[in-house]
Every structure is written in structure tokens, then in C-alpha cells.
Amino acid sequence: MFNFEKNKMVNLKQLHDYVKENYEAGNYKEAEKAYKKWRDTTDYTYNAAKTAVKKSSLSDYQMGYEQAKKDYAESHSFKAFPKKGVNLVNRVTQNKAIEIERYIDGYNDAKTKILQAKKKSIKEIINYVWLIISQCKFR
């Protein structure tokens, strides 16, 4: 294994050296065979990805949606996901990260809905307080 230093460039260099040493020693042969077998049996063309989106986007979207609700319930906060970066990856790789994009869409939609409901609740409370104050008679 390798040790990480505080300097990120050193970390990257150490990681590179670690992977290179293991690759040259033949430690990745089985993984390479498994990847090639998977690659040859998996269709990631643009049309196949669009079809896959129709089949699986609901579950990926729903997982993101549910995770946002869980995050808010547990910590009253949300995670920030790199939506633009994932969009770029999808353009470059012919939608190989489409599941991630759908997950982020679900997460962000739930986040928006929760924050709007929270904002509405706060406005209702403020209006109620003003109503009570306006009905009070001050001398």
C-alpha cells in the first residue's frame, strides 16, 4: 500500500507509482480480462444509453430524491453534486454516467421542493405572527 502525504501532487505521484508497480508486476491481469469481457458485452452507444435511461431513470432518479429527503431529515442540510461536470462527462463518453446524472436530478428536485416548502412554512408563520400582533391593542 502507499502512504498519502499532505501535498496532493505527491499523493498523485505516489498513487501513479503504486499502480504502475502493480501493473508491471502483473497484478491486474484478472481485472483486465474481466474488463475486456464486460466491455465486449456492454453496449454504451448513444442510442443504447437513451434506451437504458428510459428503463432505469426512474430508479436512479428516485434514489437521488429519497437520499435528499433523508439528508434533510437527518442533518437539515444537503450535499452538493457536480451537475455540470457530470453533464460534461456524459457528452464526452456518450452517456456512460447517465445514471449519476439522473440521481443528481432526483436529488436536486427533492432539495428544491423541500426548500420551497420550508420557505412557504416560514412565510405562513410570519403572516400568522403579524396577524396576532395586529390584533393586539397596545396602550
Protein backbone atom coordinates (compact mmCIF):
# COMPACT_ATOMS: atom_id res chain seq x y z
CA MET A 1 0.00 0.00 0.00
CA PHE A 2 1.06 3.60 -0.26
CA ASN A 3 1.09 6.44 2.24
CA PHE A 4 -0.52 9.74 1.48
CA GLU A 5 1.33 12.93 2.27
CA LYS A 6 -0.28 16.34 2.76
CA ASN A 7 0.81 17.54 -0.66
CA LYS A 8 -1.76 16.47 -3.26
CA MET A 9 0.75 16.29 -6.09
CA VAL A 10 2.85 13.92 -4.00
CA ASN A 11 -0.32 11.86 -3.41
CA LEU A 12 -0.98 11.66 -7.11
CA LYS A 13 2.63 10.69 -7.84
CA GLN A 14 2.55 8.02 -5.13
CA LEU A 15 -0.72 6.65 -6.48
CA HIS A 16 0.70 6.59 -10.01
CA ASP A 17 3.83 4.78 -8.85
CA TYR A 18 1.78 2.28 -6.85
CA VAL A 19 -0.48 1.45 -9.81
CA LYS A 20 2.48 1.29 -12.21
CA GLU A 21 4.44 -1.11 -9.97
CA ASN A 22 1.43 -3.40 -9.57
CA TYR A 23 0.62 -3.27 -13.27
CA GLU A 24 4.18 -4.14 -14.25
CA ALA A 25 4.14 -6.99 -11.73
CA GLY A 26 1.05 -8.40 -13.46
CA ASN A 27 -1.29 -7.87 -10.53
CA TYR A 28 -4.09 -6.52 -12.73
CA LYS A 29 -4.30 -9.34 -15.31
CA GLU A 30 -7.57 -10.77 -13.97
CA ALA A 31 -9.15 -7.33 -13.71
CA GLU A 32 -8.07 -6.56 -17.26
CA LYS A 33 -9.62 -9.80 -18.55
CA ALA A 34 -12.85 -9.11 -16.66
CA TYR A 35 -13.00 -5.57 -18.03
CA LYS A 36 -12.44 -6.70 -21.61
CA LYS A 37 -15.17 -9.32 -21.26
CA TRP A 38 -17.54 -6.72 -19.82
CA ARG A 39 -16.61 -4.13 -22.45
CA ASP A 40 -17.27 -6.56 -25.27
CA THR A 41 -20.72 -7.46 -23.92
CA THR A 42 -21.89 -3.97 -22.92
CA ASP A 43 -23.35 -1.51 -25.41
CA TYR A 44 -22.76 2.11 -24.43
CA THR A 45 -23.65 3.73 -27.73
CA TYR A 46 -25.75 6.87 -27.66
CA ASN A 47 -28.98 5.07 -28.62
CA ALA A 48 -28.41 2.25 -26.14
CA ALA A 49 -27.83 4.80 -23.38
CA LYS A 50 -31.05 6.62 -24.25
CA THR A 51 -32.94 3.33 -24.10
CA ALA A 52 -31.29 2.49 -20.79
CA VAL A 53 -32.35 5.87 -19.45
CA LYS A 54 -35.96 5.09 -20.24
CA LYS A 55 -35.68 1.75 -18.44
CA SER A 56 -33.72 2.82 -15.37
CA SER A 57 -34.03 6.59 -14.92
CA LEU A 58 -36.94 6.29 -12.52
CA SER A 59 -34.97 4.18 -10.06
CA ASP A 60 -31.83 6.33 -10.28
CA TYR A 61 -33.91 9.49 -10.05
CA GLN A 62 -35.94 8.09 -7.17
CA MET A 63 -32.80 7.05 -5.28
CA GLY A 64 -31.49 10.61 -5.51
CA TYR A 65 -34.85 12.01 -4.49
CA GLU A 66 -35.04 9.74 -1.43
CA GLN A 67 -31.44 10.50 -0.46
CA ALA A 68 -32.15 14.24 -0.42
CA LYS A 69 -35.15 13.67 1.86
CA LYS A 70 -33.01 11.50 4.15
CA ASP A 71 -30.17 14.05 4.25
CA TYR A 72 -32.57 16.82 5.19
CA ALA A 73 -34.32 14.72 7.83
CA GLU A 74 -31.01 13.73 9.44
CA SER A 75 -29.00 16.95 9.24
CA HIS A 76 -31.17 19.72 7.75
CA SER A 77 -28.56 20.07 5.02
CA PHE A 78 -27.91 18.84 1.51
CA LYS A 79 -24.91 17.61 -0.44
CA ALA A 80 -23.60 19.50 -3.45
CA PHE A 81 -23.12 17.40 -6.56
CA PRO A 82 -21.12 18.48 -9.65
CA LYS A 83 -24.04 18.50 -12.11
CA LYS A 84 -22.16 20.42 -14.82
CA GLY A 85 -19.18 18.10 -14.54
CA VAL A 86 -21.37 15.03 -14.90
CA ASN A 87 -23.08 16.61 -17.92
CA LEU A 88 -19.66 17.15 -19.50
CA VAL A 89 -18.62 13.56 -18.78
CA ASN A 90 -21.83 12.34 -20.42
CA ARG A 91 -21.19 14.39 -23.54
CA VAL A 92 -17.63 13.15 -23.85
CA THR A 93 -18.35 9.50 -23.02
CA GLN A 94 -21.66 9.06 -24.85
CA ASN A 95 -23.76 8.96 -21.67
CA LYS A 96 -21.69 6.50 -19.65
CA ALA A 97 -22.51 8.45 -16.49
CA ILE A 98 -26.23 8.82 -17.22
CA GLU A 99 -27.23 7.01 -14.02
CA ILE A 100 -25.30 9.55 -11.97
CA GLU A 101 -26.94 12.42 -13.83
CA ARG A 102 -30.42 11.02 -13.14
CA TYR A 103 -29.53 10.51 -9.46
CA ILE A 104 -28.40 14.15 -9.21
CA ASP A 105 -31.59 15.30 -10.96
CA GLY A 106 -33.71 13.47 -8.39
CA TYR A 107 -31.62 14.77 -5.51
CA ASN A 108 -31.79 18.37 -6.73
CA ASP A 109 -35.54 18.19 -7.42
CA ALA A 110 -36.22 16.95 -3.89
CA LYS A 111 -33.89 19.60 -2.49
CA THR A 112 -35.77 22.33 -4.37
CA LYS A 113 -39.15 21.00 -3.25
CA ILE A 114 -38.06 20.75 0.41
CA LEU A 115 -36.57 24.25 0.42
CA GLN A 116 -39.69 25.72 -1.20
CA ALA A 117 -41.91 24.04 1.39
CA LYS A 118 -39.65 25.33 4.17
CA LYS A 119 -39.78 28.85 2.73
CA LYS A 120 -43.59 28.64 2.48
CA SER A 121 -43.83 27.47 6.10
CA ILE A 122 -41.70 30.36 7.30
CA LYS A 123 -43.86 32.86 5.38
CA GLU A 124 -47.01 31.35 6.89
CA ILE A 125 -45.55 31.65 10.39
CA ILE A 126 -44.55 35.27 9.80
CA ASN A 127 -48.03 36.11 8.46
CA TYR A 128 -49.62 34.44 11.48
CA VAL A 129 -47.39 36.38 13.89
CA TRP A 130 -48.23 39.66 12.12
CA LEU A 131 -51.93 38.82 12.34
CA ILE A 132 -51.65 38.26 16.10
CA ILE A 133 -49.62 41.44 16.56
CA SER A 134 -52.10 43.49 14.54
CA GLN A 135 -54.97 42.24 16.71
CA CYS A 136 -53.20 43.19 19.93
CA LYS A 137 -54.17 46.51 21.43
CA PHE A 138 -51.24 48.47 22.72
CA ARG A 139 -51.79 51.36 25.08
